[in-house]
ModelCIF file with pLDDT and N, C-alpha, C, O atoms, coordinates in Angstrom:
data_MODEL
#
_entry.id   MODEL 
#
_entity.id                         1 
_entity.type                       polymer 
_entity.pdbx_number_of_molecules   1 
#
_entity_poly.entity_id                      1 
_entity_poly.type                           'polypeptide(L)' 
_entity_poly.nstd_linkage                   no 
_entity_poly.nstd_monomer                   no 
_entity_poly.pdbx_seq_one_letter_code       
;(UNK)(UNK)(UNK)(UNK)(UNK)(UNK)(UNK)(UNK)(UNK)(UNK)(UNK)(UNK)(UNK)(UNK)(UNK)(UNK)
(UNK)(UNK)(UNK)(UNK)(UNK)(UNK)(UNK)(UNK)(UNK)(UNK)(UNK)(UNK)(UNK)(UNK)(UNK)(UNK)
(UNK)(UNK)(UNK)(UNK)(UNK)(UNK)(UNK)(UNK)(UNK)(UNK)(UNK)(UNK)
;
_entity_poly.pdbx_seq_one_letter_code_can   XXXXXXXXXXXXXXXXXXXXXXXXXXXXXXXXXXXXXXXXXXXX 
_entity_poly.pdbx_strand_id                 A 
#
loop_
_entity_poly_seq.entity_id 
_entity_poly_seq.num 
_entity_poly_seq.mon_id 
_entity_poly_seq.hetero 
1 1  UNK n 
1 2  UNK n 
1 3  UNK n 
1 4  UNK n 
1 5  UNK n 
1 6  UNK n 
1 7  UNK n 
1 8  UNK n 
1 9  UNK n 
1 10 UNK n 
1 11 UNK n 
1 12 UNK n 
1 13 UNK n 
1 14 UNK n 
1 15 UNK n 
1 16 UNK n 
1 17 UNK n 
1 18 UNK n 
1 19 UNK n 
1 20 UNK n 
1 21 UNK n 
1 22 UNK n 
1 23 UNK n 
1 24 UNK n 
1 25 UNK n 
1 26 UNK n 
1 27 UNK n 
1 28 UNK n 
1 29 UNK n 
1 30 UNK n 
1 31 UNK n 
1 32 UNK n 
1 33 UNK n 
1 34 UNK n 
1 35 UNK n 
1 36 UNK n 
1 37 UNK n 
1 38 UNK n 
1 39 UNK n 
1 40 UNK n 
1 41 UNK n 
1 42 UNK n 
1 43 UNK n 
1 44 UNK n 
#
_struct_asym.id          A 
_struct_asym.entity_id   1 
#
loop_
_ma_qa_metric.id 
_ma_qa_metric.mode 
_ma_qa_metric.name 
_ma_qa_metric.software_group_id 
_ma_qa_metric.type 
1 global pLDDT . pLDDT 
2 local  pLDDT . pLDDT 
#
_ma_qa_metric_global.metric_id      1 
_ma_qa_metric_global.metric_value   92.32 
_ma_qa_metric_global.model_id       1 
_ma_qa_metric_global.ordinal_id     1 
#
loop_
_ma_qa_metric_local.label_asym_id 
_ma_qa_metric_local.label_comp_id 
_ma_qa_metric_local.label_seq_id 
_ma_qa_metric_local.metric_id 
_ma_qa_metric_local.metric_value 
_ma_qa_metric_local.model_id 
_ma_qa_metric_local.ordinal_id 
A UNK 1  2 90.00 1 1  
A UNK 2  2 92.00 1 2  
A UNK 3  2 92.00 1 3  
A UNK 4  2 92.00 1 4  
A UNK 5  2 92.00 1 5  
A UNK 6  2 93.00 1 6  
A UNK 7  2 94.00 1 7  
A UNK 8  2 94.00 1 8  
A UNK 9  2 92.00 1 9  
A UNK 10 2 94.00 1 10 
A UNK 11 2 95.00 1 11 
A UNK 12 2 93.00 1 12 
A UNK 13 2 93.00 1 13 
A UNK 14 2 95.00 1 14 
A UNK 15 2 93.00 1 15 
A UNK 16 2 92.00 1 16 
A UNK 17 2 93.00 1 17 
A UNK 18 2 92.00 1 18 
A UNK 19 2 93.00 1 19 
A UNK 20 2 93.00 1 20 
A UNK 21 2 93.00 1 21 
A UNK 22 2 93.00 1 22 
A UNK 23 2 94.00 1 23 
A UNK 24 2 93.00 1 24 
A UNK 25 2 93.00 1 25 
A UNK 26 2 94.00 1 26 
A UNK 27 2 94.00 1 27 
A UNK 28 2 94.00 1 28 
A UNK 29 2 94.00 1 29 
A UNK 30 2 94.00 1 30 
A UNK 31 2 94.00 1 31 
A UNK 32 2 93.00 1 32 
A UNK 33 2 94.00 1 33 
A UNK 34 2 92.00 1 34 
A UNK 35 2 92.00 1 35 
A UNK 36 2 92.00 1 36 
A UNK 37 2 92.00 1 37 
A UNK 38 2 90.00 1 38 
A UNK 39 2 89.00 1 39 
A UNK 40 2 89.00 1 40 
A UNK 41 2 87.00 1 41 
A UNK 42 2 88.00 1 42 
A UNK 43 2 88.00 1 43 
A UNK 44 2 89.00 1 44 
#
loop_
_atom_site.group_PDB 
_atom_site.id 
_atom_site.type_symbol 
_atom_site.label_atom_id 
_atom_site.label_alt_id 
_atom_site.label_comp_id 
_atom_site.label_asym_id 
_atom_site.label_entity_id 
_atom_site.label_seq_id 
_atom_site.pdbx_PDB_ins_code 
_atom_site.Cartn_x 
_atom_site.Cartn_y 
_atom_site.Cartn_z 
_atom_site.occupancy 
_atom_site.B_iso_or_equiv 
_atom_site.pdbx_formal_charge 
_atom_site.auth_seq_id 
_atom_site.auth_comp_id 
_atom_site.auth_asym_id 
_atom_site.auth_atom_id 
_atom_site.pdbx_PDB_model_num 
ATOM 1   N N  . UNK A 1 1  ? -73.751 9.716   -36.655 1.00 90.00 ? 1  UNK A N  1 
ATOM 2   C CA . UNK A 1 1  ? -74.207 10.154  -37.969 1.00 90.00 ? 1  UNK A CA 1 
ATOM 3   C C  . UNK A 1 1  ? -73.180 9.846   -39.050 1.00 90.00 ? 1  UNK A C  1 
ATOM 4   O O  . UNK A 1 1  ? -73.529 9.436   -40.157 1.00 90.00 ? 1  UNK A O  1 
ATOM 5   N N  . UNK A 1 2  ? -71.915 10.047  -38.717 1.00 92.00 ? 2  UNK A N  1 
ATOM 6   C CA . UNK A 1 2  ? -70.852 9.749   -39.682 1.00 92.00 ? 2  UNK A CA 1 
ATOM 7   C C  . UNK A 1 2  ? -70.831 8.257   -40.021 1.00 92.00 ? 2  UNK A C  1 
ATOM 8   O O  . UNK A 1 2  ? -70.720 7.879   -41.188 1.00 92.00 ? 2  UNK A O  1 
ATOM 9   N N  . UNK A 1 3  ? -70.939 7.414   -38.990 1.00 92.00 ? 3  UNK A N  1 
ATOM 10  C CA . UNK A 1 3  ? -70.949 5.969   -39.220 1.00 92.00 ? 3  UNK A CA 1 
ATOM 11  C C  . UNK A 1 3  ? -72.154 5.553   -40.064 1.00 92.00 ? 3  UNK A C  1 
ATOM 12  O O  . UNK A 1 3  ? -72.031 4.729   -40.970 1.00 92.00 ? 3  UNK A O  1 
ATOM 13  N N  . UNK A 1 4  ? -73.317 6.131   -39.757 1.00 92.00 ? 4  UNK A N  1 
ATOM 14  C CA . UNK A 1 4  ? -74.533 5.790   -40.502 1.00 92.00 ? 4  UNK A CA 1 
ATOM 15  C C  . UNK A 1 4  ? -74.452 6.289   -41.936 1.00 92.00 ? 4  UNK A C  1 
ATOM 16  O O  . UNK A 1 4  ? -74.903 5.602   -42.852 1.00 92.00 ? 4  UNK A O  1 
ATOM 17  N N  . UNK A 1 5  ? -73.881 7.482   -42.150 1.00 92.00 ? 5  UNK A N  1 
ATOM 18  C CA . UNK A 1 5  ? -73.722 8.005   -43.503 1.00 92.00 ? 5  UNK A CA 1 
ATOM 19  C C  . UNK A 1 5  ? -72.807 7.100   -44.324 1.00 92.00 ? 5  UNK A C  1 
ATOM 20  O O  . UNK A 1 5  ? -73.086 6.823   -45.491 1.00 92.00 ? 5  UNK A O  1 
ATOM 21  N N  . UNK A 1 6  ? -71.724 6.645   -43.721 1.00 93.00 ? 6  UNK A N  1 
ATOM 22  C CA . UNK A 1 6  ? -70.813 5.716   -44.411 1.00 93.00 ? 6  UNK A CA 1 
ATOM 23  C C  . UNK A 1 6  ? -71.538 4.415   -44.766 1.00 93.00 ? 6  UNK A C  1 
ATOM 24  O O  . UNK A 1 6  ? -71.383 3.881   -45.864 1.00 93.00 ? 6  UNK A O  1 
ATOM 25  N N  . UNK A 1 7  ? -72.332 3.918   -43.812 1.00 94.00 ? 7  UNK A N  1 
ATOM 26  C CA . UNK A 1 7  ? -73.063 2.669   -44.046 1.00 94.00 ? 7  UNK A CA 1 
ATOM 27  C C  . UNK A 1 7  ? -74.077 2.833   -45.170 1.00 94.00 ? 7  UNK A C  1 
ATOM 28  O O  . UNK A 1 7  ? -74.215 1.952   -46.018 1.00 94.00 ? 7  UNK A O  1 
ATOM 29  N N  . UNK A 1 8  ? -74.787 3.961   -45.180 1.00 94.00 ? 8  UNK A N  1 
ATOM 30  C CA . UNK A 1 8  ? -75.779 4.193   -46.226 1.00 94.00 ? 8  UNK A CA 1 
ATOM 31  C C  . UNK A 1 8  ? -75.110 4.427   -47.580 1.00 94.00 ? 8  UNK A C  1 
ATOM 32  O O  . UNK A 1 8  ? -75.693 4.130   -48.623 1.00 94.00 ? 8  UNK A O  1 
ATOM 33  N N  . UNK A 1 9  ? -73.887 4.959   -47.565 1.00 92.00 ? 9  UNK A N  1 
ATOM 34  C CA . UNK A 1 9  ? -73.129 5.090   -48.810 1.00 92.00 ? 9  UNK A CA 1 
ATOM 35  C C  . UNK A 1 9  ? -72.832 3.709   -49.389 1.00 92.00 ? 9  UNK A C  1 
ATOM 36  O O  . UNK A 1 9  ? -72.910 3.503   -50.600 1.00 92.00 ? 9  UNK A O  1 
ATOM 37  N N  . UNK A 1 10 ? -72.494 2.771   -48.516 1.00 94.00 ? 10 UNK A N  1 
ATOM 38  C CA . UNK A 1 10 ? -72.245 1.394   -48.973 1.00 94.00 ? 10 UNK A CA 1 
ATOM 39  C C  . UNK A 1 10 ? -73.527 0.788   -49.532 1.00 94.00 ? 10 UNK A C  1 
ATOM 40  O O  . UNK A 1 10 ? -73.505 0.123   -50.568 1.00 94.00 ? 10 UNK A O  1 
ATOM 41  N N  . UNK A 1 11 ? -74.635 1.018   -48.848 1.00 95.00 ? 11 UNK A N  1 
ATOM 42  C CA . UNK A 1 11 ? -75.916 0.489   -49.310 1.00 95.00 ? 11 UNK A CA 1 
ATOM 43  C C  . UNK A 1 11 ? -76.253 1.042   -50.691 1.00 95.00 ? 11 UNK A C  1 
ATOM 44  O O  . UNK A 1 11 ? -76.670 0.294   -51.575 1.00 95.00 ? 11 UNK A O  1 
ATOM 45  N N  . UNK A 1 12 ? -76.076 2.329   -50.876 1.00 93.00 ? 12 UNK A N  1 
ATOM 46  C CA . UNK A 1 12 ? -76.367 2.953   -52.163 1.00 93.00 ? 12 UNK A CA 1 
ATOM 47  C C  . UNK A 1 12 ? -75.449 2.407   -53.243 1.00 93.00 ? 12 UNK A C  1 
ATOM 48  O O  . UNK A 1 12 ? -75.878 2.181   -54.374 1.00 93.00 ? 12 UNK A O  1 
ATOM 49  N N  . UNK A 1 13 ? -74.183 2.196   -52.895 1.00 93.00 ? 13 UNK A N  1 
ATOM 50  C CA . UNK A 1 13 ? -73.234 1.651   -53.868 1.00 93.00 ? 13 UNK A CA 1 
ATOM 51  C C  . UNK A 1 13 ? -73.625 0.239   -54.296 1.00 93.00 ? 13 UNK A C  1 
ATOM 52  O O  . UNK A 1 13 ? -73.577 -0.090  -55.481 1.00 93.00 ? 13 UNK A O  1 
ATOM 53  N N  . UNK A 1 14 ? -74.009 -0.589  -53.335 1.00 95.00 ? 14 UNK A N  1 
ATOM 54  C CA . UNK A 1 14 ? -74.430 -1.956  -53.654 1.00 95.00 ? 14 UNK A CA 1 
ATOM 55  C C  . UNK A 1 14 ? -75.671 -1.947  -54.550 1.00 95.00 ? 14 UNK A C  1 
ATOM 56  O O  . UNK A 1 14 ? -75.744 -2.685  -55.532 1.00 95.00 ? 14 UNK A O  1 
ATOM 57  N N  . UNK A 1 15 ? -76.638 -1.106  -54.200 1.00 93.00 ? 15 UNK A N  1 
ATOM 58  C CA . UNK A 1 15 ? -77.885 -1.057  -54.957 1.00 93.00 ? 15 UNK A CA 1 
ATOM 59  C C  . UNK A 1 15 ? -77.647 -0.594  -56.387 1.00 93.00 ? 15 UNK A C  1 
ATOM 60  O O  . UNK A 1 15 ? -78.248 -1.120  -57.324 1.00 93.00 ? 15 UNK A O  1 
ATOM 61  N N  . UNK A 1 16 ? -76.777 0.380   -56.553 1.00 92.00 ? 16 UNK A N  1 
ATOM 62  C CA . UNK A 1 16 ? -76.484 0.873   -57.903 1.00 92.00 ? 16 UNK A CA 1 
ATOM 63  C C  . UNK A 1 16 ? -75.752 -0.174  -58.724 1.00 92.00 ? 16 UNK A C  1 
ATOM 64  O O  . UNK A 1 16 ? -76.018 -0.344  -59.914 1.00 92.00 ? 16 UNK A O  1 
ATOM 65  N N  . UNK A 1 17 ? -74.819 -0.881  -58.073 1.00 93.00 ? 17 UNK A N  1 
ATOM 66  C CA . UNK A 1 17 ? -74.100 -1.933  -58.799 1.00 93.00 ? 17 UNK A CA 1 
ATOM 67  C C  . UNK A 1 17 ? -75.052 -3.041  -59.239 1.00 93.00 ? 17 UNK A C  1 
ATOM 68  O O  . UNK A 1 17 ? -74.865 -3.650  -60.292 1.00 93.00 ? 17 UNK A O  1 
ATOM 69  N N  . UNK A 1 18 ? -76.077 -3.296  -58.423 1.00 92.00 ? 18 UNK A N  1 
ATOM 70  C CA . UNK A 1 18 ? -77.057 -4.330  -58.751 1.00 92.00 ? 18 UNK A CA 1 
ATOM 71  C C  . UNK A 1 18 ? -78.180 -3.794  -59.627 1.00 92.00 ? 18 UNK A C  1 
ATOM 72  O O  . UNK A 1 18 ? -79.056 -4.545  -60.056 1.00 92.00 ? 18 UNK A O  1 
ATOM 73  N N  . UNK A 1 19 ? -78.149 -2.491  -59.891 1.00 93.00 ? 19 UNK A N  1 
ATOM 74  C CA . UNK A 1 19 ? -79.165 -1.830  -60.708 1.00 93.00 ? 19 UNK A CA 1 
ATOM 75  C C  . UNK A 1 19 ? -80.566 -2.079  -60.165 1.00 93.00 ? 19 UNK A C  1 
ATOM 76  O O  . UNK A 1 19 ? -81.498 -2.420  -60.893 1.00 93.00 ? 19 UNK A O  1 
ATOM 77  N N  . UNK A 1 20 ? -80.672 -1.891  -58.848 1.00 93.00 ? 20 UNK A N  1 
ATOM 78  C CA . UNK A 1 20 ? -81.962 -2.053  -58.188 1.00 93.00 ? 20 UNK A CA 1 
ATOM 79  C C  . UNK A 1 20 ? -82.255 -0.796  -57.378 1.00 93.00 ? 20 UNK A C  1 
ATOM 80  O O  . UNK A 1 20 ? -81.378 -0.333  -56.648 1.00 93.00 ? 20 UNK A O  1 
ATOM 81  N N  . UNK A 1 21 ? -83.458 -0.223  -57.478 1.00 93.00 ? 21 UNK A N  1 
ATOM 82  C CA . UNK A 1 21 ? -83.808 0.945   -56.666 1.00 93.00 ? 21 UNK A CA 1 
ATOM 83  C C  . UNK A 1 21 ? -83.758 0.586   -55.174 1.00 93.00 ? 21 UNK A C  1 
ATOM 84  O O  . UNK A 1 21 ? -84.067 -0.544  -54.794 1.00 93.00 ? 21 UNK A O  1 
ATOM 85  N N  . UNK A 1 22 ? -83.377 1.532   -54.350 1.00 93.00 ? 22 UNK A N  1 
ATOM 86  C CA . UNK A 1 22 ? -83.285 1.263   -52.916 1.00 93.00 ? 22 UNK A CA 1 
ATOM 87  C C  . UNK A 1 22 ? -84.615 0.773   -52.346 1.00 93.00 ? 22 UNK A C  1 
ATOM 88  O O  . UNK A 1 22 ? -84.640 -0.066  -51.446 1.00 93.00 ? 22 UNK A O  1 
ATOM 89  N N  . UNK A 1 23 ? -85.724 1.305   -52.879 1.00 94.00 ? 23 UNK A N  1 
ATOM 90  C CA . UNK A 1 23 ? -87.025 0.894   -52.349 1.00 94.00 ? 23 UNK A CA 1 
ATOM 91  C C  . UNK A 1 23 ? -87.416 -0.521  -52.777 1.00 94.00 ? 23 UNK A C  1 
ATOM 92  O O  . UNK A 1 23 ? -88.384 -1.079  -52.260 1.00 94.00 ? 23 UNK A O  1 
ATOM 93  N N  . UNK A 1 24 ? -86.664 -1.108  -53.723 1.00 93.00 ? 24 UNK A N  1 
ATOM 94  C CA . UNK A 1 24 ? -87.001 -2.445  -54.221 1.00 93.00 ? 24 UNK A CA 1 
ATOM 95  C C  . UNK A 1 24 ? -86.016 -3.510  -53.748 1.00 93.00 ? 24 UNK A C  1 
ATOM 96  O O  . UNK A 1 24 ? -86.085 -4.656  -54.192 1.00 93.00 ? 24 UNK A O  1 
ATOM 97  N N  . UNK A 1 25 ? -85.097 -3.143  -52.850 1.00 93.00 ? 25 UNK A N  1 
ATOM 98  C CA . UNK A 1 25 ? -84.099 -4.089  -52.348 1.00 93.00 ? 25 UNK A CA 1 
ATOM 99  C C  . UNK A 1 25 ? -84.794 -5.232  -51.604 1.00 93.00 ? 25 UNK A C  1 
ATOM 100 O O  . UNK A 1 25 ? -85.759 -5.012  -50.873 1.00 93.00 ? 25 UNK A O  1 
ATOM 101 N N  . UNK A 1 26 ? -84.290 -6.456  -51.801 1.00 94.00 ? 26 UNK A N  1 
ATOM 102 C CA . UNK A 1 26 ? -84.857 -7.637  -51.152 1.00 94.00 ? 26 UNK A CA 1 
ATOM 103 C C  . UNK A 1 26 ? -83.865 -8.222  -50.150 1.00 94.00 ? 26 UNK A C  1 
ATOM 104 O O  . UNK A 1 26 ? -82.672 -7.920  -50.181 1.00 94.00 ? 26 UNK A O  1 
ATOM 105 N N  . UNK A 1 27 ? -84.393 -9.076  -49.252 1.00 94.00 ? 27 UNK A N  1 
ATOM 106 C CA . UNK A 1 27 ? -83.574 -9.617  -48.172 1.00 94.00 ? 27 UNK A CA 1 
ATOM 107 C C  . UNK A 1 27 ? -82.394 -10.425 -48.702 1.00 94.00 ? 27 UNK A C  1 
ATOM 108 O O  . UNK A 1 27 ? -81.311 -10.387 -48.118 1.00 94.00 ? 27 UNK A O  1 
ATOM 109 N N  . UNK A 1 28 ? -82.587 -11.161 -49.807 1.00 94.00 ? 28 UNK A N  1 
ATOM 110 C CA . UNK A 1 28 ? -81.488 -11.967 -50.348 1.00 94.00 ? 28 UNK A CA 1 
ATOM 111 C C  . UNK A 1 28 ? -80.326 -11.081 -50.773 1.00 94.00 ? 28 UNK A C  1 
ATOM 112 O O  . UNK A 1 28 ? -79.163 -11.459 -50.632 1.00 94.00 ? 28 UNK A O  1 
ATOM 113 N N  . UNK A 1 29 ? -80.645 -9.908  -51.290 1.00 94.00 ? 29 UNK A N  1 
ATOM 114 C CA . UNK A 1 29 ? -79.591 -8.979  -51.703 1.00 94.00 ? 29 UNK A CA 1 
ATOM 115 C C  . UNK A 1 29 ? -78.865 -8.415  -50.483 1.00 94.00 ? 29 UNK A C  1 
ATOM 116 O O  . UNK A 1 29 ? -77.642 -8.270  -50.493 1.00 94.00 ? 29 UNK A O  1 
ATOM 117 N N  . UNK A 1 30 ? -79.617 -8.100  -49.441 1.00 94.00 ? 30 UNK A N  1 
ATOM 118 C CA . UNK A 1 30 ? -78.994 -7.592  -48.223 1.00 94.00 ? 30 UNK A CA 1 
ATOM 119 C C  . UNK A 1 30 ? -78.050 -8.630  -47.642 1.00 94.00 ? 30 UNK A C  1 
ATOM 120 O O  . UNK A 1 30 ? -76.954 -8.293  -47.195 1.00 94.00 ? 30 UNK A O  1 
ATOM 121 N N  . UNK A 1 31 ? -78.467 -9.893  -47.645 1.00 94.00 ? 31 UNK A N  1 
ATOM 122 C CA . UNK A 1 31 ? -77.596 -10.962 -47.131 1.00 94.00 ? 31 UNK A CA 1 
ATOM 123 C C  . UNK A 1 31 ? -76.307 -11.044 -47.946 1.00 94.00 ? 31 UNK A C  1 
ATOM 124 O O  . UNK A 1 31 ? -75.223 -11.194 -47.383 1.00 94.00 ? 31 UNK A O  1 
ATOM 125 N N  . UNK A 1 32 ? -76.423 -10.947 -49.264 1.00 93.00 ? 32 UNK A N  1 
ATOM 126 C CA . UNK A 1 32 ? -75.223 -11.013 -50.114 1.00 93.00 ? 32 UNK A CA 1 
ATOM 127 C C  . UNK A 1 32 ? -74.304 -9.835  -49.841 1.00 93.00 ? 32 UNK A C  1 
ATOM 128 O O  . UNK A 1 32 ? -73.084 -9.990  -49.795 1.00 93.00 ? 32 UNK A O  1 
ATOM 129 N N  . UNK A 1 33 ? -74.889 -8.661  -49.661 1.00 94.00 ? 33 UNK A N  1 
ATOM 130 C CA . UNK A 1 33 ? -74.063 -7.474  -49.427 1.00 94.00 ? 33 UNK A CA 1 
ATOM 131 C C  . UNK A 1 33 ? -73.374 -7.543  -48.072 1.00 94.00 ? 33 UNK A C  1 
ATOM 132 O O  . UNK A 1 33 ? -72.220 -7.135  -47.939 1.00 94.00 ? 33 UNK A O  1 
ATOM 133 N N  . UNK A 1 34 ? -74.069 -8.052  -47.074 1.00 92.00 ? 34 UNK A N  1 
ATOM 134 C CA . UNK A 1 34 ? -73.441 -8.219  -45.760 1.00 92.00 ? 34 UNK A CA 1 
ATOM 135 C C  . UNK A 1 34 ? -72.304 -9.226  -45.846 1.00 92.00 ? 34 UNK A C  1 
ATOM 136 O O  . UNK A 1 34 ? -71.249 -9.038  -45.239 1.00 92.00 ? 34 UNK A O  1 
ATOM 137 N N  . UNK A 1 35 ? -72.527 -10.309 -46.614 1.00 92.00 ? 35 UNK A N  1 
ATOM 138 C CA . UNK A 1 35 ? -71.472 -11.311 -46.800 1.00 92.00 ? 35 UNK A CA 1 
ATOM 139 C C  . UNK A 1 35 ? -70.288 -10.703 -47.545 1.00 92.00 ? 35 UNK A C  1 
ATOM 140 O O  . UNK A 1 35 ? -69.138 -11.041 -47.266 1.00 92.00 ? 35 UNK A O  1 
ATOM 141 N N  . UNK A 1 36 ? -70.563 -9.814  -48.484 1.00 92.00 ? 36 UNK A N  1 
ATOM 142 C CA . UNK A 1 36 ? -69.486 -9.156  -49.226 1.00 92.00 ? 36 UNK A CA 1 
ATOM 143 C C  . UNK A 1 36 ? -68.652 -8.277  -48.298 1.00 92.00 ? 36 UNK A C  1 
ATOM 144 O O  . UNK A 1 36 ? -67.426 -8.251  -48.408 1.00 92.00 ? 36 UNK A O  1 
ATOM 145 N N  . UNK A 1 37 ? -69.306 -7.558  -47.384 1.00 92.00 ? 37 UNK A N  1 
ATOM 146 C CA . UNK A 1 37 ? -68.570 -6.745  -46.418 1.00 92.00 ? 37 UNK A CA 1 
ATOM 147 C C  . UNK A 1 37 ? -67.665 -7.621  -45.554 1.00 92.00 ? 37 UNK A C  1 
ATOM 148 O O  . UNK A 1 37 ? -66.528 -7.263  -45.246 1.00 92.00 ? 37 UNK A O  1 
ATOM 149 N N  . UNK A 1 38 ? -68.205 -8.781  -45.171 1.00 90.00 ? 38 UNK A N  1 
ATOM 150 C CA . UNK A 1 38 ? -67.413 -9.720  -44.362 1.00 90.00 ? 38 UNK A CA 1 
ATOM 151 C C  . UNK A 1 38 ? -66.209 -10.226 -45.154 1.00 90.00 ? 38 UNK A C  1 
ATOM 152 O O  . UNK A 1 38 ? -65.106 -10.329 -44.617 1.00 90.00 ? 38 UNK A O  1 
ATOM 153 N N  . UNK A 1 39 ? -66.427 -10.546 -46.454 1.00 89.00 ? 39 UNK A N  1 
ATOM 154 C CA . UNK A 1 39 ? -65.337 -11.045 -47.296 1.00 89.00 ? 39 UNK A CA 1 
ATOM 155 C C  . UNK A 1 39 ? -64.269 -9.982  -47.510 1.00 89.00 ? 39 UNK A C  1 
ATOM 156 O O  . UNK A 1 39 ? -63.103 -10.304 -47.738 1.00 89.00 ? 39 UNK A O  1 
ATOM 157 N N  . UNK A 1 40 ? -64.669 -8.712  -47.437 1.00 89.00 ? 40 UNK A N  1 
ATOM 158 C CA . UNK A 1 40 ? -63.708 -7.622  -47.584 1.00 89.00 ? 40 UNK A CA 1 
ATOM 159 C C  . UNK A 1 40 ? -62.868 -7.416  -46.329 1.00 89.00 ? 40 UNK A C  1 
ATOM 160 O O  . UNK A 1 40 ? -61.935 -6.613  -46.320 1.00 89.00 ? 40 UNK A O  1 
ATOM 161 N N  . UNK A 1 41 ? -63.209 -8.148  -45.269 1.00 87.00 ? 41 UNK A N  1 
ATOM 162 C CA . UNK A 1 41 ? -62.442 -8.040  -44.037 1.00 87.00 ? 41 UNK A CA 1 
ATOM 163 C C  . UNK A 1 41 ? -63.009 -7.074  -43.026 1.00 87.00 ? 41 UNK A C  1 
ATOM 164 O O  . UNK A 1 41 ? -62.356 -6.768  -42.028 1.00 87.00 ? 41 UNK A O  1 
ATOM 165 N N  . UNK A 1 42 ? -64.235 -6.579  -43.268 1.00 88.00 ? 42 UNK A N  1 
ATOM 166 C CA . UNK A 1 42 ? -64.846 -5.672  -42.306 1.00 88.00 ? 42 UNK A CA 1 
ATOM 167 C C  . UNK A 1 42 ? -65.166 -6.437  -41.024 1.00 88.00 ? 42 UNK A C  1 
ATOM 168 O O  . UNK A 1 42 ? -65.682 -7.554  -41.078 1.00 88.00 ? 42 UNK A O  1 
ATOM 169 N N  . UNK A 1 43 ? -64.866 -5.852  -39.896 1.00 88.00 ? 43 UNK A N  1 
ATOM 170 C CA . UNK A 1 43 ? -65.070 -6.505  -38.603 1.00 88.00 ? 43 UNK A CA 1 
ATOM 171 C C  . UNK A 1 43 ? -66.557 -6.739  -38.354 1.00 88.00 ? 43 UNK A C  1 
ATOM 172 O O  . UNK A 1 43 ? -67.390 -5.954  -38.807 1.00 88.00 ? 43 UNK A O  1 
ATOM 173 N N  . UNK A 1 44 ? -66.898 -7.814  -37.635 1.00 89.00 ? 44 UNK A N  1 
ATOM 174 C CA . UNK A 1 44 ? -68.310 -8.083  -37.326 1.00 89.00 ? 44 UNK A CA 1 
ATOM 175 C C  . UNK A 1 44 ? -69.024 -6.899  -36.681 1.00 89.00 ? 44 UNK A C  1 
ATOM 176 O O  . UNK A 1 44 ? -70.211 -6.989  -36.371 1.00 89.00 ? 44 UNK A O  1 
#
């Protein structure tokens, strides 16, 4: 639960920065956010 809460916090942060409602998120945005996590050095 702690890991999932942290992950959802990241999702909410990305969505707010992109000014997009969570229910309107698209796959291209998810790909960019995953790539951003990778660029930050987060382990696979």
